[in-house]
Protein backbone atom coordinates (compact mmCIF):
# COMPACT_ATOMS: atom_id res chain seq x y z
CA MET A 1 -81.62 9.74 93.07
CA VAL A 2 -79.87 12.88 92.79
CA GLU A 3 -76.18 10.85 92.61
CA PRO A 4 -77.02 8.93 89.31
CA ILE A 5 -78.17 12.42 87.89
CA LYS A 6 -74.99 14.15 88.82
CA SER A 7 -73.01 11.11 87.63
CA PHE A 8 -74.55 11.00 84.18
CA ARG A 9 -74.11 14.51 84.08
CA ASN A 10 -70.37 14.58 84.71
CA TYR A 11 -70.17 11.23 82.13
CA LEU A 12 -72.04 13.42 79.63
CA ALA A 13 -69.69 16.77 80.15
CA LEU A 14 -66.77 14.50 80.12
CA SER A 15 -67.98 13.06 76.90
CA VAL A 16 -68.69 16.51 75.37
CA VAL A 17 -64.99 17.75 75.91
CA LEU A 18 -63.48 14.67 74.69
CA LEU A 19 -65.72 15.09 71.54
CA VAL A 20 -64.89 18.58 70.92
CA ALA A 21 -61.40 18.20 71.59
CA SER A 22 -60.78 14.94 69.18
CA CYS A 23 -62.60 16.82 66.60
CA SER A 24 -60.24 19.60 66.51
CA SER A 25 -56.91 19.28 64.68
CA GLY A 26 -53.64 20.18 66.08
CA TYR A 27 -52.85 21.02 62.37
CA HIS A 28 -53.08 24.70 60.87
CA LEU A 29 -52.03 25.54 57.53
CA VAL A 30 -48.63 27.47 57.12
CA LYS A 31 -47.72 27.35 53.29
CA THR A 32 -49.76 26.86 50.01
CA ASN A 33 -48.00 26.33 46.58
CA ARG A 34 -49.75 27.07 43.64
CA ALA A 35 -48.89 26.13 39.81
CA GLU A 36 -50.72 26.03 36.81
CA TYR A 37 -49.54 23.21 34.30
CA ASN A 38 -51.00 24.27 30.51
CA VAL A 39 -51.17 20.78 28.81
CA ASN A 40 -51.20 21.54 24.97
CA LYS A 41 -49.06 20.47 21.99
CA GLU A 42 -46.15 22.30 23.13
CA LEU A 43 -45.81 20.30 25.95
CA THR A 44 -42.81 17.85 25.34
CA VAL A 45 -43.49 13.87 25.70
CA ASP A 46 -41.92 12.34 28.91
CA SER A 47 -40.69 9.30 28.02
CA SER A 48 -40.36 7.89 31.35
CA ILE A 49 -43.90 8.05 31.68
CA ILE A 50 -44.77 6.30 28.65
CA LYS A 51 -42.29 3.58 29.61
CA THR A 52 -44.21 3.40 32.38
CA TYR A 53 -47.57 2.72 31.54
CA LEU A 54 -46.36 0.95 28.29
CA PRO A 55 -46.91 -2.62 29.63
CA TYR A 56 -50.20 -2.01 30.95
CA LYS A 57 -51.21 -0.54 27.55
CA ALA A 58 -50.13 -3.57 25.87
CA GLN A 59 -52.05 -5.64 27.89
CA LEU A 60 -55.07 -3.79 27.70
CA ASP A 61 -54.85 -3.91 23.64
CA ALA A 62 -54.44 -7.37 23.90
CA GLU A 63 -57.43 -7.85 25.84
CA MET A 64 -59.32 -5.14 24.06
CA ASN A 65 -58.63 -6.63 20.82
CA LYS A 66 -59.87 -10.35 21.10
CA VAL A 67 -62.62 -11.26 18.85
CA ILE A 68 -65.68 -11.90 20.89
CA GLY A 69 -68.49 -12.41 18.07
CA HIS A 70 -68.96 -12.20 14.45
CA SER A 71 -70.96 -10.27 11.91
CA ALA A 72 -72.38 -10.64 8.51
CA ALA A 73 -70.81 -7.05 7.80
CA GLN A 74 -67.49 -6.10 8.50
CA MET A 75 -67.26 -3.05 11.26
CA SER A 76 -64.65 -1.36 12.54
CA LYS A 77 -64.57 -0.54 16.13
CA LYS A 78 -65.84 2.99 15.91
CA ALA A 79 -68.85 1.81 13.95
CA ALA A 80 -69.72 -1.18 15.83
CA ILE A 81 -69.67 1.02 19.09
CA LEU A 82 -72.15 3.71 17.20
CA TYR A 83 -73.87 0.40 16.24
CA LEU A 84 -74.24 -1.12 19.62
CA LYS A 85 -75.15 2.34 21.34
CA ALA A 86 -77.86 2.67 18.82
CA CYS A 87 -79.41 -0.86 19.40
CA LEU A 88 -79.13 0.01 23.42
CA ALA A 89 -81.09 3.36 22.77
CA ILE A 90 -83.63 1.43 20.81
CA SER A 91 -84.11 -1.20 23.49
CA PHE A 92 -84.19 1.27 25.94
CA LEU A 93 -86.75 2.95 24.50
CA MET A 94 -88.76 -0.33 23.82
CA GLN A 95 -88.62 -0.92 27.73
CA PHE A 96 -90.00 2.64 28.30
CA TRP A 97 -93.00 1.80 25.89
CA ASN A 98 -93.52 -1.36 27.45
CA ARG A 99 -93.69 0.22 30.98
CA HIS A 100 -94.97 3.72 30.71
CA LEU A 101 -97.11 3.72 27.62
CA ASN A 102 -98.93 0.20 28.11
CA THR A 103 -99.85 0.20 24.18
CA THR A 104 -98.84 -2.36 21.97
CA ARG A 105 -96.43 -0.80 19.06
CA ILE A 106 -94.56 -2.81 16.08
CA LEU A 107 -90.91 -1.44 15.50
CA ILE A 108 -88.73 -3.09 13.28
CA LEU A 109 -85.00 -2.99 14.04
CA HIS A 110 -82.02 -4.01 11.54
CA CYS A 111 -79.82 -5.41 14.36
CA HIS A 112 -77.47 -7.98 13.14
CA GLN A 113 -78.61 -7.99 9.46
CA GLN A 114 -81.96 -9.40 10.41
CA LYS A 115 -85.46 -8.04 10.87
CA GLU A 116 -86.80 -8.40 14.52
CA VAL A 117 -90.34 -7.64 15.12
CA TYR A 118 -90.94 -6.33 18.84
CA VAL A 119 -94.72 -6.31 19.56
């Protein structure tokens, strides 16, 4: 009975030693170099960076400029984003009302040039 306990202690001690030895790093910090680069209008443009990302930008612009829907009113990109944010905020508000207030409310939305009534 004593022999298995000694064996277990030996394995446990060996495991602890190996764990401690494996967690310690053989590396230590010798020197650090720190530099700050102010990014402002005085910084010159690096054409090599622009040449690197230009093909990706062209591909992304081609994908983002596809027409995915039509509206009765003409919208610019900025106006469309603001409009969609407003509609999304109203839909979140409606979800909140329906889930947490348990009351019937009527809200008339002017989305897509139509009046939609939510009850």
